[in-house]
């Protein structure tokens, strides 16, 4: 397993094809999820509020740091993928697609 760290100088296509950014082995045991609650990037604010409320932790979204918030000019990630890349990503991350109901 190769976990992507740092910068990458190749094309996005090469990155997707040649790197295995697989994380499910960190939160699956015997092919079953071992996490009580997931904080998903696409629902970061909502999920942080839920977990902080459950843990009775004071939470202020204004204190959440924002990195690379203007990194991509085009926010629609789907434009970066052709059918081949979609299939590669799906095959590498099938468990996450199924667990979270992700679709392209």
PDB file of N, CA and C in Angstrom:
ATOM      1  N   UNK A   1       0.850  -1.180   0.000  1.00  0.00           N
ATOM      2  CA  UNK A   1       0.000   0.000   0.000  1.00  0.00           C
ATOM      3  C   UNK A   1       0.890   1.235   0.000  1.00  0.00           C
ATOM      4  N   UNK A   2       0.594   2.166  -0.891  1.00  0.00           N
ATOM      5  CA  UNK A   2       1.295   3.441  -0.957  1.00  0.00           C
ATOM      6  C   UNK A   2       0.308   4.524  -0.584  1.00  0.00           C
ATOM      7  N   UNK A   3       0.650   5.310   0.391  1.00  0.00           N
ATOM      8  CA  UNK A   3      -0.197   6.429   0.783  1.00  0.00           C
ATOM      9  C   UNK A   3       0.481   7.693   0.285  1.00  0.00           C
ATOM     10  N   UNK A   4      -0.242   8.475  -0.490  1.00  0.00           N
ATOM     11  CA  UNK A   4       0.309   9.672  -1.100  1.00  0.00           C
ATOM     12  C   UNK A   4       0.644  10.713  -0.048  1.00  0.00           C
ATOM     13  N   UNK A   5       1.862  11.206  -0.108  1.00  0.00           N
ATOM     14  CA  UNK A   5       2.305  12.283   0.779  1.00  0.00           C
ATOM     15  C   UNK A   5       3.139  13.254  -0.036  1.00  0.00           C
ATOM     16  N   UNK A   6       3.016  14.513   0.259  1.00  0.00           N
ATOM     17  CA  UNK A   6       3.855  15.505  -0.389  1.00  0.00           C
ATOM     18  C   UNK A   6       3.345  15.908  -1.755  1.00  0.00           C
ATOM     19  N   UNK A   7       4.236  16.504  -2.535  1.00  0.00           N
ATOM     20  CA  UNK A   7       3.845  16.981  -3.849  1.00  0.00           C
ATOM     21  C   UNK A   7       4.040  15.886  -4.891  1.00  0.00           C
ATOM     22  N   UNK A   8       3.367  16.047  -6.003  1.00  0.00           N
ATOM     23  CA  UNK A   8       3.437  15.087  -7.099  1.00  0.00           C
ATOM     24  C   UNK A   8       3.624  15.879  -8.367  1.00  0.00           C
ATOM     25  N   UNK A   9       4.631  15.532  -9.161  1.00  0.00           N
ATOM     26  CA  UNK A   9       4.950  16.344 -10.334  1.00  0.00           C
ATOM     27  C   UNK A   9       4.379  15.797 -11.631  1.00  0.00           C
ATOM     28  N   UNK A  10       3.778  14.599 -11.618  1.00  0.00           N
ATOM     29  CA  UNK A  10       3.207  14.029 -12.830  1.00  0.00           C
ATOM     30  C   UNK A  10       1.822  14.572 -13.114  1.00  0.00           C
ATOM     31  N   UNK A  11       1.200  14.019 -14.140  1.00  0.00           N
ATOM     32  CA  UNK A  11      -0.153  14.446 -14.496  1.00  0.00           C
ATOM     33  C   UNK A  11      -1.170  13.840 -13.530  1.00  0.00           C
ATOM     34  N   UNK A  12      -2.343  14.430 -13.496  1.00  0.00           N
ATOM     35  CA  UNK A  12      -3.424  13.907 -12.663  1.00  0.00           C
ATOM     36  C   UNK A  12      -3.760  12.479 -13.101  1.00  0.00           C
ATOM     37  N   UNK A  13      -3.788  12.258 -14.412  1.00  0.00           N
ATOM     38  CA  UNK A  13      -4.060  10.931 -14.959  1.00  0.00           C
ATOM     39  C   UNK A  13      -3.063   9.916 -14.416  1.00  0.00           C
ATOM     40  N   UNK A  14      -1.766  10.230 -14.456  1.00  0.00           N
ATOM     41  CA  UNK A  14      -0.735   9.317 -13.949  1.00  0.00           C
ATOM     42  C   UNK A  14      -0.883   9.103 -12.444  1.00  0.00           C
ATOM     43  N   UNK A  15      -1.195  10.165 -11.733  1.00  0.00           N
ATOM     44  CA  UNK A  15      -1.388  10.046 -10.286  1.00  0.00           C
ATOM     45  C   UNK A  15      -2.492   9.045  -9.962  1.00  0.00           C
ATOM     46  N   UNK A  16      -3.626   9.184 -10.608  1.00  0.00           N
ATOM     47  CA  UNK A  16      -4.756   8.294 -10.338  1.00  0.00           C
ATOM     48  C   UNK A  16      -4.410   6.861 -10.713  1.00  0.00           C
ATOM     49  N   UNK A  17      -3.779   6.670 -11.850  1.00  0.00           N
ATOM     50  CA  UNK A  17      -3.449   5.321 -12.317  1.00  0.00           C
ATOM     51  C   UNK A  17      -2.374   4.646 -11.466  1.00  0.00           C
ATOM     52  N   UNK A  18      -1.388   5.401 -11.005  1.00  0.00           N
ATOM     53  CA  UNK A  18      -0.186   4.795 -10.429  1.00  0.00           C
ATOM     54  C   UNK A  18      -0.082   4.854  -8.915  1.00  0.00           C
ATOM     55  N   UNK A  19      -0.973   5.528  -8.247  1.00  0.00           N
ATOM     56  CA  UNK A  19      -0.885   5.653  -6.799  1.00  0.00           C
ATOM     57  C   UNK A  19      -2.076   4.985  -6.121  1.00  0.00           C
ATOM     58  N   UNK A  20      -1.777   4.326  -5.043  1.00  0.00           N
ATOM     59  CA  UNK A  20      -2.816   3.683  -4.257  1.00  0.00           C
ATOM     60  C   UNK A  20      -3.000   4.453  -2.956  1.00  0.00           C
ATOM     61  N   UNK A  21      -3.849   5.451  -2.998  1.00  0.00           N
ATOM     62  CA  UNK A  21      -4.168   6.239  -1.799  1.00  0.00           C
ATOM     63  C   UNK A  21      -5.312   5.546  -1.079  1.00  0.00           C
ATOM     64  N   UNK A  22      -5.037   4.376  -0.586  1.00  0.00           N
ATOM     65  CA  UNK A  22      -6.087   3.555   0.027  1.00  0.00           C
ATOM     66  C   UNK A  22      -6.042   3.748   1.540  1.00  0.00           C
ATOM     67  N   UNK A  23      -7.155   4.182   2.091  1.00  0.00           N
ATOM     68  CA  UNK A  23      -7.218   4.442   3.527  1.00  0.00           C
ATOM     69  C   UNK A  23      -8.141   3.480   4.268  1.00  0.00           C
ATOM     70  N   UNK A  24      -8.977   2.732   3.558  1.00  0.00           N
ATOM     71  CA  UNK A  24      -9.970   1.917   4.269  1.00  0.00           C
ATOM     72  C   UNK A  24      -9.327   0.897   5.189  1.00  0.00           C
ATOM     73  N   UNK A  25      -8.080   0.521   4.930  1.00  0.00           N
ATOM     74  CA  UNK A  25      -7.417  -0.428   5.835  1.00  0.00           C
ATOM     75  C   UNK A  25      -7.204   0.187   7.208  1.00  0.00           C
ATOM     76  N   UNK A  26      -7.315   1.488   7.300  1.00  0.00           N
ATOM     77  CA  UNK A  26      -7.166   2.169   8.589  1.00  0.00           C
ATOM     78  C   UNK A  26      -8.439   2.101   9.421  1.00  0.00           C
ATOM     79  N   UNK A  27      -9.585   1.941   8.786  1.00  0.00           N
ATOM     80  CA  UNK A  27     -10.830   1.947   9.542  1.00  0.00           C
ATOM     81  C   UNK A  27     -11.735   0.761   9.232  1.00  0.00           C
ATOM     82  N   UNK A  28     -11.175  -0.281   8.656  1.00  0.00           N
ATOM     83  CA  UNK A  28     -11.879  -1.548   8.461  1.00  0.00           C
ATOM     84  C   UNK A  28     -11.084  -2.659   9.117  1.00  0.00           C
ATOM     85  N   UNK A  29     -11.746  -3.528   9.851  1.00  0.00           N
ATOM     86  CA  UNK A  29     -11.123  -4.714  10.423  1.00  0.00           C
ATOM     87  C   UNK A  29     -11.951  -5.905   9.953  1.00  0.00           C
ATOM     88  N   UNK A  30     -11.281  -6.880   9.388  1.00  0.00           N
ATOM     89  CA  UNK A  30     -11.979  -8.058   8.845  1.00  0.00           C
ATOM     90  C   UNK A  30     -13.116  -7.650   7.914  1.00  0.00           C
ATOM     91  N   UNK A  31     -12.821  -6.675   7.081  1.00  0.00           N
ATOM     92  CA  UNK A  31     -13.755  -6.193   6.062  1.00  0.00           C
ATOM     93  C   UNK A  31     -15.006  -5.528   6.642  1.00  0.00           C
ATOM     94  N   UNK A  32     -14.937  -5.071   7.894  1.00  0.00           N
ATOM     95  CA  UNK A  32     -16.057  -4.367   8.523  1.00  0.00           C
ATOM     96  C   UNK A  32     -15.559  -3.049   9.108  1.00  0.00           C
ATOM     97  N   UNK A  33     -16.382  -2.031   9.002  1.00  0.00           N
ATOM     98  CA  UNK A  33     -16.030  -0.730   9.543  1.00  0.00           C
ATOM     99  C   UNK A  33     -15.906  -0.803  11.064  1.00  0.00           C
ATOM    100  N   UNK A  34     -14.874  -0.190  11.613  1.00  0.00           N
ATOM    101  CA  UNK A  34     -14.671  -0.182  13.066  1.00  0.00           C
ATOM    102  C   UNK A  34     -14.745   1.246  13.623  1.00  0.00           C
ATOM    103  N   UNK A  35     -15.413   2.126  12.915  1.00  0.00           N
ATOM    104  CA  UNK A  35     -15.519   3.533  13.292  1.00  0.00           C
ATOM    105  C   UNK A  35     -16.951   3.821  13.761  1.00  0.00           C
ATOM    106  N   UNK A  36     -17.078   4.548  14.858  1.00  0.00           N
ATOM    107  CA  UNK A  36     -18.393   4.927  15.367  1.00  0.00           C
ATOM    108  C   UNK A  36     -19.017   6.067  14.559  1.00  0.00           C
ATOM    109  N   UNK A  37     -18.176   6.986  14.087  1.00  0.00           N
ATOM    110  CA  UNK A  37     -18.689   8.145  13.366  1.00  0.00           C
ATOM    111  C   UNK A  37     -17.620   8.652  12.414  1.00  0.00           C
ATOM    112  N   UNK A  38     -18.008   8.919  11.192  1.00  0.00           N
ATOM    113  CA  UNK A  38     -17.094   9.446  10.186  1.00  0.00           C
ATOM    114  C   UNK A  38     -17.313  10.940  10.034  1.00  0.00           C
ATOM    115  N   UNK A  39     -16.236  11.682   9.998  1.00  0.00           N
ATOM    116  CA  UNK A  39     -16.297  13.097   9.643  1.00  0.00           C
ATOM    117  C   UNK A  39     -15.879  13.169   8.185  1.00  0.00           C
ATOM    118  N   UNK A  40     -16.852  13.466   7.339  1.00  0.00           N
ATOM    119  CA  UNK A  40     -16.619  13.471   5.902  1.00  0.00           C
ATOM    120  C   UNK A  40     -16.277  14.878   5.437  1.00  0.00           C
ATOM    121  N   UNK A  41     -15.286  14.981   4.585  1.00  0.00           N
ATOM    122  CA  UNK A  41     -14.839  16.290   4.124  1.00  0.00           C
ATOM    123  C   UNK A  41     -15.973  17.072   3.477  1.00  0.00           C
ATOM    124  N   UNK A  42     -16.784  16.394   2.692  1.00  0.00           N
ATOM    125  CA  UNK A  42     -17.845  17.088   1.973  1.00  0.00           C
ATOM    126  C   UNK A  42     -18.966  17.570   2.890  1.00  0.00           C
ATOM    127  N   UNK A  43     -18.988  17.085   4.133  1.00  0.00           N
ATOM    128  CA  UNK A  43     -19.947  17.533   5.141  1.00  0.00           C
ATOM    129  C   UNK A  43     -19.203  17.939   6.412  1.00  0.00           C
ATOM    130  N   UNK A  44     -18.049  18.539   6.243  1.00  0.00           N
ATOM    131  CA  UNK A  44     -17.152  18.831   7.357  1.00  0.00           C
ATOM    132  C   UNK A  44     -17.833  19.605   8.479  1.00  0.00           C
ATOM    133  N   UNK A  45     -18.467  20.699   8.150  1.00  0.00           N
ATOM    134  CA  UNK A  45     -19.086  21.526   9.192  1.00  0.00           C
ATOM    135  C   UNK A  45     -20.198  20.770   9.914  1.00  0.00           C
ATOM    136  N   UNK A  46     -21.083  20.130   9.155  1.00  0.00           N
ATOM    137  CA  UNK A  46     -22.193  19.381   9.768  1.00  0.00           C
ATOM    138  C   UNK A  46     -21.682  18.247  10.653  1.00  0.00           C
ATOM    139  N   UNK A  47     -20.717  17.496  10.151  1.00  0.00           N
ATOM    140  CA  UNK A  47     -20.216  16.347  10.906  1.00  0.00           C
ATOM    141  C   UNK A  47     -19.452  16.781  12.151  1.00  0.00           C
ATOM    142  N   UNK A  48     -18.688  17.861  12.057  1.00  0.00           N
ATOM    143  CA  UNK A  48     -17.993  18.370  13.244  1.00  0.00           C
ATOM    144  C   UNK A  48     -18.996  18.820  14.303  1.00  0.00           C
ATOM    145  N   UNK A  49     -20.053  19.485  13.871  1.00  0.00           N
ATOM    146  CA  UNK A  49     -21.079  19.916  14.819  1.00  0.00           C
ATOM    147  C   UNK A  49     -21.697  18.710  15.522  1.00  0.00           C
ATOM    148  N   UNK A  50     -21.989  17.654  14.764  1.00  0.00           N
ATOM    149  CA  UNK A  50     -22.608  16.456  15.343  1.00  0.00           C
ATOM    150  C   UNK A  50     -21.704  15.799  16.377  1.00  0.00           C
ATOM    151  N   UNK A  51     -20.438  15.608  16.025  1.00  0.00           N
ATOM    152  CA  UNK A  51     -19.542  14.913  16.944  1.00  0.00           C
ATOM    153  C   UNK A  51     -19.251  15.768  18.170  1.00  0.00           C
ATOM    154  N   UNK A  52     -19.102  17.068  17.991  1.00  0.00           N
ATOM    155  CA  UNK A  52     -18.856  17.946  19.138  1.00  0.00           C
ATOM    156  C   UNK A  52     -20.062  17.987  20.071  1.00  0.00           C
ATOM    157  N   UNK A  53     -21.256  17.990  19.488  1.00  0.00           N
ATOM    158  CA  UNK A  53     -22.466  17.964  20.311  1.00  0.00           C
ATOM    159  C   UNK A  53     -22.545  16.666  21.101  1.00  0.00           C
ATOM    160  N   UNK A  54     -22.264  15.566  20.442  1.00  0.00           N
ATOM    161  CA  UNK A  54     -22.320  14.265  21.110  1.00  0.00           C
ATOM    162  C   UNK A  54     -21.299  14.170  22.243  1.00  0.00           C
ATOM    163  N   UNK A  55     -20.134  14.780  22.048  1.00  0.00           N
ATOM    164  CA  UNK A  55     -19.074  14.745  23.056  1.00  0.00           C
ATOM    165  C   UNK A  55     -19.147  15.918  24.027  1.00  0.00           C
ATOM    166  N   UNK A  56     -20.159  16.772  23.845  1.00  0.00           N
ATOM    167  CA  UNK A  56     -20.342  17.944  24.697  1.00  0.00           C
ATOM    168  C   UNK A  56     -19.105  18.856  24.674  1.00  0.00           C
ATOM    169  N   UNK A  57     -18.640  19.128  23.469  1.00  0.00           N
ATOM    170  CA  UNK A  57     -17.480  19.990  23.257  1.00  0.00           C
ATOM    171  C   UNK A  57     -17.970  21.277  22.598  1.00  0.00           C
ATOM    172  N   UNK A  58     -17.522  22.402  23.110  1.00  0.00           N
ATOM    173  CA  UNK A  58     -17.887  23.679  22.510  1.00  0.00           C
ATOM    174  C   UNK A  58     -17.257  23.775  21.130  1.00  0.00           C
ATOM    175  N   UNK A  59     -18.013  24.268  20.173  1.00  0.00           N
ATOM    176  CA  UNK A  59     -17.577  24.279  18.776  1.00  0.00           C
ATOM    177  C   UNK A  59     -17.895  25.617  18.133  1.00  0.00           C
ATOM    178  N   UNK A  60     -16.894  26.190  17.469  1.00  0.00           N
ATOM    179  CA  UNK A  60     -17.084  27.450  16.743  1.00  0.00           C
ATOM    180  C   UNK A  60     -16.501  27.275  15.350  1.00  0.00           C
ATOM    181  N   UNK A  61     -17.352  27.201  14.340  1.00  0.00           N
ATOM    182  CA  UNK A  61     -16.914  26.974  12.963  1.00  0.00           C
ATOM    183  C   UNK A  61     -15.960  28.066  12.485  1.00  0.00           C
ATOM    184  N   UNK A  62     -16.060  29.249  13.043  1.00  0.00           N
ATOM    185  CA  UNK A  62     -15.199  30.354  12.620  1.00  0.00           C
ATOM    186  C   UNK A  62     -13.736  30.134  13.002  1.00  0.00           C
ATOM    187  N   UNK A  63     -13.487  29.220  13.917  1.00  0.00           N
ATOM    188  CA  UNK A  63     -12.108  28.923  14.319  1.00  0.00           C
ATOM    189  C   UNK A  63     -11.490  27.791  13.491  1.00  0.00           C
ATOM    190  N   UNK A  64     -12.286  27.190  12.626  1.00  0.00           N
ATOM    191  CA  UNK A  64     -11.790  26.129  11.767  1.00  0.00           C
ATOM    192  C   UNK A  64     -10.910  26.738  10.680  1.00  0.00           C
ATOM    193  N   UNK A  65      -9.675  26.288  10.611  1.00  0.00           N
ATOM    194  CA  UNK A  65      -8.749  26.806   9.611  1.00  0.00           C
ATOM    195  C   UNK A  65      -9.128  26.303   8.229  1.00  0.00           C
ATOM    196  N   UNK A  66      -8.877  27.117   7.219  1.00  0.00           N
ATOM    197  CA  UNK A  66      -9.194  26.742   5.840  1.00  0.00           C
ATOM    198  C   UNK A  66      -7.911  26.783   5.018  1.00  0.00           C
ATOM    199  N   UNK A  67      -7.589  25.634   4.476  1.00  0.00           N
ATOM    200  CA  UNK A  67      -6.409  25.520   3.635  1.00  0.00           C
ATOM    201  C   UNK A  67      -6.834  25.174   2.215  1.00  0.00           C
ATOM    202  N   UNK A  68      -6.181  25.757   1.252  1.00  0.00           N
ATOM    203  CA  UNK A  68      -6.418  25.487  -0.170  1.00  0.00           C
ATOM    204  C   UNK A  68      -7.875  25.705  -0.563  1.00  0.00           C
ATOM    205  N   UNK A  69      -8.560  26.599   0.099  1.00  0.00           N
ATOM    206  CA  UNK A  69      -9.975  26.810  -0.207  1.00  0.00           C
ATOM    207  C   UNK A  69     -10.170  27.420  -1.592  1.00  0.00           C
ATOM    208  N   UNK A  70      -9.156  28.037  -2.133  1.00  0.00           N
ATOM    209  CA  UNK A  70      -9.232  28.603  -3.482  1.00  0.00           C
ATOM    210  C   UNK A  70      -8.260  27.907  -4.424  1.00  0.00           C
ATOM    211  N   UNK A  71      -7.904  26.669  -4.113  1.00  0.00           N
ATOM    212  CA  UNK A  71      -6.893  25.933  -4.862  1.00  0.00           C
ATOM    213  C   UNK A  71      -7.341  25.614  -6.283  1.00  0.00           C
ATOM    214  N   UNK A  72      -8.572  25.156  -6.449  1.00  0.00           N
ATOM    215  CA  UNK A  72      -9.086  24.803  -7.767  1.00  0.00           C
ATOM    216  C   UNK A  72     -10.058  25.874  -8.235  1.00  0.00           C
ATOM    217  N   UNK A  73      -9.839  26.327  -9.455  1.00  0.00           N
ATOM    218  CA  UNK A  73     -10.757  27.316 -10.012  1.00  0.00           C
ATOM    219  C   UNK A  73     -12.094  26.676 -10.325  1.00  0.00           C
ATOM    220  N   UNK A  74     -12.056  25.438 -10.827  1.00  0.00           N
ATOM    221  CA  UNK A  74     -13.291  24.724 -11.153  1.00  0.00           C
ATOM    222  C   UNK A  74     -13.591  23.770 -10.011  1.00  0.00           C
ATOM    223  N   UNK A  75     -14.670  24.014  -9.286  1.00  0.00           N
ATOM    224  CA  UNK A  75     -15.007  23.229  -8.091  1.00  0.00           C
ATOM    225  C   UNK A  75     -15.638  21.879  -8.413  1.00  0.00           C
ATOM    226  N   UNK A  76     -16.045  21.647  -9.664  1.00  0.00           N
ATOM    227  CA  UNK A  76     -16.687  20.383 -10.026  1.00  0.00           C
ATOM    228  C   UNK A  76     -15.612  19.339 -10.314  1.00  0.00           C
ATOM    229  N   UNK A  77     -15.372  18.462  -9.333  1.00  0.00           N
ATOM    230  CA  UNK A  77     -14.317  17.459  -9.449  1.00  0.00           C
ATOM    231  C   UNK A  77     -14.555  16.504 -10.617  1.00  0.00           C
ATOM    232  N   UNK A  78     -15.800  16.333 -11.030  1.00  0.00           N
ATOM    233  CA  UNK A  78     -16.119  15.365 -12.090  1.00  0.00           C
ATOM    234  C   UNK A  78     -15.468  15.726 -13.417  1.00  0.00           C
ATOM    235  N   UNK A  79     -15.164  16.996 -13.629  1.00  0.00           N
ATOM    236  CA  UNK A  79     -14.558  17.420 -14.887  1.00  0.00           C
ATOM    237  C   UNK A  79     -13.120  16.917 -15.037  1.00  0.00           C
ATOM    238  N   UNK A  80     -12.512  16.459 -13.950  1.00  0.00           N
ATOM    239  CA  UNK A  80     -11.149  15.972 -13.992  1.00  0.00           C
ATOM    240  C   UNK A  80     -11.063  14.501 -14.406  1.00  0.00           C
ATOM    241  N   UNK A  81     -12.192  13.812 -14.505  1.00  0.00           N
ATOM    242  CA  UNK A  81     -12.211  12.367 -14.713  1.00  0.00           C
ATOM    243  C   UNK A  81     -12.887  11.985 -16.017  1.00  0.00           C
ATOM    244  N   UNK A  82     -12.213  11.122 -16.796  1.00  0.00           N
ATOM    245  CA  UNK A  82     -12.889  10.483 -17.922  1.00  0.00           C
ATOM    246  C   UNK A  82     -13.408   9.138 -17.427  1.00  0.00           C
ATOM    247  N   UNK A  83     -14.045   8.362 -18.294  1.00  0.00           N
ATOM    248  CA  UNK A  83     -14.645   7.095 -17.866  1.00  0.00           C
ATOM    249  C   UNK A  83     -13.603   6.121 -17.323  1.00  0.00           C
ATOM    250  N   UNK A  84     -12.414   6.082 -17.930  1.00  0.00           N
ATOM    251  CA  UNK A  84     -11.367   5.174 -17.458  1.00  0.00           C
ATOM    252  C   UNK A  84     -10.921   5.541 -16.045  1.00  0.00           C
ATOM    253  N   UNK A  85     -10.688   6.825 -15.799  1.00  0.00           N
ATOM    254  CA  UNK A  85     -10.259   7.252 -14.462  1.00  0.00           C
ATOM    255  C   UNK A  85     -11.353   7.017 -13.431  1.00  0.00           C
ATOM    256  N   UNK A  86     -12.602   7.226 -13.806  1.00  0.00           N
ATOM    257  CA  UNK A  86     -13.710   6.949 -12.884  1.00  0.00           C
ATOM    258  C   UNK A  86     -13.695   5.490 -12.456  1.00  0.00           C
ATOM    259  N   UNK A  87     -13.482   4.591 -13.406  1.00  0.00           N
ATOM    260  CA  UNK A  87     -13.472   3.165 -13.098  1.00  0.00           C
ATOM    261  C   UNK A  87     -12.288   2.797 -12.220  1.00  0.00           C
ATOM    262  N   UNK A  88     -11.128   3.390 -12.498  1.00  0.00           N
ATOM    263  CA  UNK A  88      -9.935   3.125 -11.682  1.00  0.00           C
ATOM    264  C   UNK A  88     -10.178   3.553 -10.237  1.00  0.00           C
ATOM    265  N   UNK A  89     -10.712   4.750 -10.063  1.00  0.00           N
ATOM    266  CA  UNK A  89     -10.983   5.259  -8.713  1.00  0.00           C
ATOM    267  C   UNK A  89     -12.021   4.379  -8.029  1.00  0.00           C
ATOM    268  N   UNK A  90     -13.062   4.014  -8.737  1.00  0.00           N
ATOM    269  CA  UNK A  90     -14.089   3.152  -8.149  1.00  0.00           C
ATOM    270  C   UNK A  90     -13.494   1.811  -7.714  1.00  0.00           C
ATOM    271  N   UNK A  91     -12.696   1.211  -8.575  1.00  0.00           N
ATOM    272  CA  UNK A  91     -12.097  -0.087  -8.250  1.00  0.00           C
ATOM    273  C   UNK A  91     -11.185   0.000  -7.023  1.00  0.00           C
ATOM    274  N   UNK A  92     -10.435   1.087  -6.911  1.00  0.00           N
ATOM    275  CA  UNK A  92      -9.513   1.254  -5.778  1.00  0.00           C
ATOM    276  C   UNK A  92     -10.246   1.608  -4.486  1.00  0.00           C
ATOM    277  N   UNK A  93     -11.411   2.228  -4.583  1.00  0.00           N
ATOM    278  CA  UNK A  93     -12.108   2.747  -3.403  1.00  0.00           C
ATOM    279  C   UNK A  93     -13.552   2.254  -3.317  1.00  0.00           C
ATOM    280  N   UNK A  94     -13.781   1.048  -3.787  1.00  0.00           N
ATOM    281  CA  UNK A  94     -15.129   0.494  -3.823  1.00  0.00           C
ATOM    282  C   UNK A  94     -15.787   0.499  -2.441  1.00  0.00           C
ATOM    283  N   UNK A  95     -15.037   0.169  -1.417  1.00  0.00           N
ATOM    284  CA  UNK A  95     -15.607   0.131  -0.065  1.00  0.00           C
ATOM    285  C   UNK A  95     -16.134   1.503   0.362  1.00  0.00           C
ATOM    286  N   UNK A  96     -15.390   2.558   0.066  1.00  0.00           N
ATOM    287  CA  UNK A  96     -15.832   3.901   0.418  1.00  0.00           C
ATOM    288  C   UNK A  96     -17.064   4.308  -0.392  1.00  0.00           C
ATOM    289  N   UNK A  97     -17.073   3.950  -1.684  1.00  0.00           N
ATOM    290  CA  UNK A  97     -18.242   4.252  -2.512  1.00  0.00           C
ATOM    291  C   UNK A  97     -19.480   3.591  -1.920  1.00  0.00           C
ATOM    292  N   UNK A  98     -19.346   2.343  -1.511  1.00  0.00           N
ATOM    293  CA  UNK A  98     -20.482   1.615  -0.952  1.00  0.00           C
ATOM    294  C   UNK A  98     -20.871   2.142   0.428  1.00  0.00           C
ATOM    295  N   UNK A  99     -19.889   2.379   1.281  1.00  0.00           N
ATOM    296  CA  UNK A  99     -20.153   2.827   2.648  1.00  0.00           C
ATOM    297  C   UNK A  99     -20.848   4.184   2.684  1.00  0.00           C
ATOM    298  N   UNK A 100     -20.393   5.120   1.850  1.00  0.00           N
ATOM    299  CA  UNK A 100     -20.912   6.486   1.899  1.00  0.00           C
ATOM    300  C   UNK A 100     -21.901   6.799   0.780  1.00  0.00           C
ATOM    301  N   UNK A 101     -22.159   5.838  -0.099  1.00  0.00           N
ATOM    302  CA  UNK A 101     -23.100   6.073  -1.191  1.00  0.00           C
ATOM    303  C   UNK A 101     -22.567   7.025  -2.231  1.00  0.00           C
ATOM    304  N   UNK A 102     -21.246   7.073  -2.398  1.00  0.00           N
ATOM    305  CA  UNK A 102     -20.637   7.986  -3.371  1.00  0.00           C
ATOM    306  C   UNK A 102     -20.949   7.562  -4.792  1.00  0.00           C
ATOM    307  N   UNK A 103     -21.071   8.552  -5.662  1.00  0.00           N
ATOM    308  CA  UNK A 103     -21.282   8.361  -7.103  1.00  0.00           C
ATOM    309  C   UNK A 103     -20.540   9.464  -7.815  1.00  0.00           C
ATOM    310  N   UNK A 104     -20.166   9.186  -9.052  1.00  0.00           N
ATOM    311  CA  UNK A 104     -19.553  10.243  -9.866  1.00  0.00           C
ATOM    312  C   UNK A 104     -20.626  11.088 -10.482  1.00  0.00           C
TER     313      UNK A 104
END
